[in-house]
């Protein structure tokens, strides 16, 4: 089996306050390109849409541009930037650091589905 799609023609786009994501749905993989503007914070911009106090989605991410701070509900936290690959389990908040938009590739696929609930 071979399946190829381009991010130039996403299968869907989801807008939320101070950001958006564009998702591609392939067999066995949902891939999303998420763009977050300065001032974006999950708990303020997406939490009300998802209906939870923290993000309950697992992410496998790669930061293309900008910086983000990730804080787990259990207290663990880290900042990620261009070139960083991260795994972030359910139960976290995240926000853009600085004045540059953050662009993140998410390979887990669940991010696109979670935002689709909104």
Protein backbone atom coordinates (compact mmCIF):
# COMPACT_ATOMS: atom_id res chain seq x y z
CA UNK A 1 0.00 0.00 0.00
CA UNK A 2 1.19 3.53 -0.79
CA UNK A 3 -0.66 6.69 0.14
CA UNK A 4 0.63 10.25 -0.34
CA UNK A 5 -0.98 13.59 0.52
CA UNK A 6 0.37 17.13 0.69
CA UNK A 7 0.05 19.67 3.48
CA UNK A 8 -0.77 22.19 0.74
CA UNK A 9 -4.19 20.51 0.44
CA UNK A 10 -5.28 19.43 3.94
CA UNK A 11 -8.34 17.23 4.42
CA UNK A 12 -9.68 19.63 7.04
CA UNK A 13 -8.94 22.89 8.79
CA UNK A 14 -10.01 23.70 12.34
CA UNK A 15 -9.89 27.26 13.62
CA UNK A 16 -9.80 28.18 17.31
CA UNK A 17 -8.93 31.39 19.15
CA UNK A 18 -5.37 32.50 18.26
CA UNK A 19 -4.64 29.52 16.08
CA UNK A 20 -5.67 26.79 13.70
CA UNK A 21 -4.68 23.34 12.53
CA UNK A 22 -4.72 21.65 9.19
CA UNK A 23 -5.04 17.88 9.17
CA UNK A 24 -4.32 15.09 6.73
CA UNK A 25 -5.98 11.72 7.26
CA UNK A 26 -4.10 8.73 5.90
CA UNK A 27 -4.56 5.04 6.56
CA UNK A 28 -3.05 4.46 10.00
CA UNK A 29 -1.95 8.08 10.48
CA UNK A 30 -3.53 11.44 11.12
CA UNK A 31 -1.01 14.25 10.68
CA UNK A 32 -1.63 17.84 11.73
CA UNK A 33 0.16 21.12 11.23
CA UNK A 34 -0.83 23.38 14.12
CA UNK A 35 -0.18 27.12 14.08
CA UNK A 36 -0.39 29.02 17.36
CA UNK A 37 -0.23 32.83 17.54
CA UNK A 38 1.54 34.75 20.33
CA UNK A 39 -0.75 34.77 23.37
CA UNK A 40 -2.23 31.33 22.57
CA UNK A 41 -2.68 29.08 25.59
CA UNK A 42 -4.42 25.70 25.47
CA UNK A 43 -6.40 26.25 28.67
CA UNK A 44 -7.80 29.55 27.34
CA UNK A 45 -8.07 28.95 23.59
CA UNK A 46 -8.96 25.26 23.28
CA UNK A 47 -9.99 24.14 26.79
CA UNK A 48 -13.44 25.72 26.52
CA UNK A 49 -13.96 23.92 23.18
CA UNK A 50 -12.73 20.56 24.52
CA UNK A 51 -14.61 20.99 27.82
CA UNK A 52 -11.67 19.93 29.99
CA UNK A 53 -9.30 21.86 32.27
CA UNK A 54 -6.21 20.37 30.60
CA UNK A 55 -5.47 18.72 27.27
CA UNK A 56 -6.22 15.03 27.53
CA UNK A 57 -4.60 14.13 24.20
CA UNK A 58 -1.25 12.38 23.65
CA UNK A 59 1.02 14.27 21.24
CA UNK A 60 4.08 13.20 19.26
CA UNK A 61 5.34 16.55 18.07
CA UNK A 62 8.06 18.32 16.12
CA UNK A 63 8.50 22.08 16.52
CA UNK A 64 9.09 23.80 13.18
CA UNK A 65 9.01 27.41 14.36
CA UNK A 66 8.59 29.40 17.57
CA UNK A 67 8.68 28.31 21.20
CA UNK A 68 6.13 26.64 23.45
CA UNK A 69 6.03 25.85 27.13
CA UNK A 70 4.48 22.54 28.19
CA UNK A 71 3.29 21.95 31.76
CA UNK A 72 2.04 18.56 32.88
CA UNK A 73 -0.73 18.30 35.50
CA UNK A 74 1.74 16.38 37.70
CA UNK A 75 4.09 19.40 37.73
CA UNK A 76 6.63 18.38 35.09
CA UNK A 77 7.36 21.07 32.52
CA UNK A 78 9.62 21.94 29.62
CA UNK A 79 10.06 24.49 26.87
CA UNK A 80 10.40 23.34 23.27
CA UNK A 81 11.63 25.18 20.19
CA UNK A 82 12.67 24.71 16.57
CA UNK A 83 14.09 21.26 15.90
CA UNK A 84 12.78 19.76 19.14
CA UNK A 85 10.88 16.47 19.01
CA UNK A 86 8.63 15.78 21.99
CA UNK A 87 6.19 13.31 23.43
CA UNK A 88 3.57 14.83 25.70
CA UNK A 89 1.02 12.61 27.43
CA UNK A 90 -2.54 13.47 28.41
CA UNK A 91 -3.03 15.96 31.22
CA UNK A 92 -1.15 19.12 30.24
CA UNK A 93 -1.39 22.78 29.36
CA UNK A 94 0.75 24.53 26.74
CA UNK A 95 1.33 28.08 25.60
CA UNK A 96 3.33 30.12 23.11
CA UNK A 97 6.46 31.74 24.52
CA UNK A 98 7.50 35.10 23.04
CA UNK A 99 6.24 37.12 20.11
CA UNK A 100 6.72 34.58 17.32
CA UNK A 101 3.99 32.20 16.20
CA UNK A 102 4.65 28.54 16.93
CA UNK A 103 4.22 25.90 14.23
CA UNK A 104 4.09 22.27 15.39
CA UNK A 105 3.76 19.05 13.42
CA UNK A 106 1.75 16.43 15.32
CA UNK A 107 2.18 12.82 14.20
CA UNK A 108 -0.09 11.24 16.79
CA UNK A 109 -3.19 12.16 14.88
CA UNK A 110 -5.30 12.48 17.97
CA UNK A 111 -4.81 16.24 18.03
CA UNK A 112 -6.82 16.73 14.87
CA UNK A 113 -9.60 14.51 16.18
CA UNK A 114 -9.70 16.30 19.55
CA UNK A 115 -10.07 19.73 17.94
CA UNK A 116 -12.72 18.33 15.63
CA UNK A 117 -14.95 17.79 18.68
CA UNK A 118 -15.19 21.57 19.16
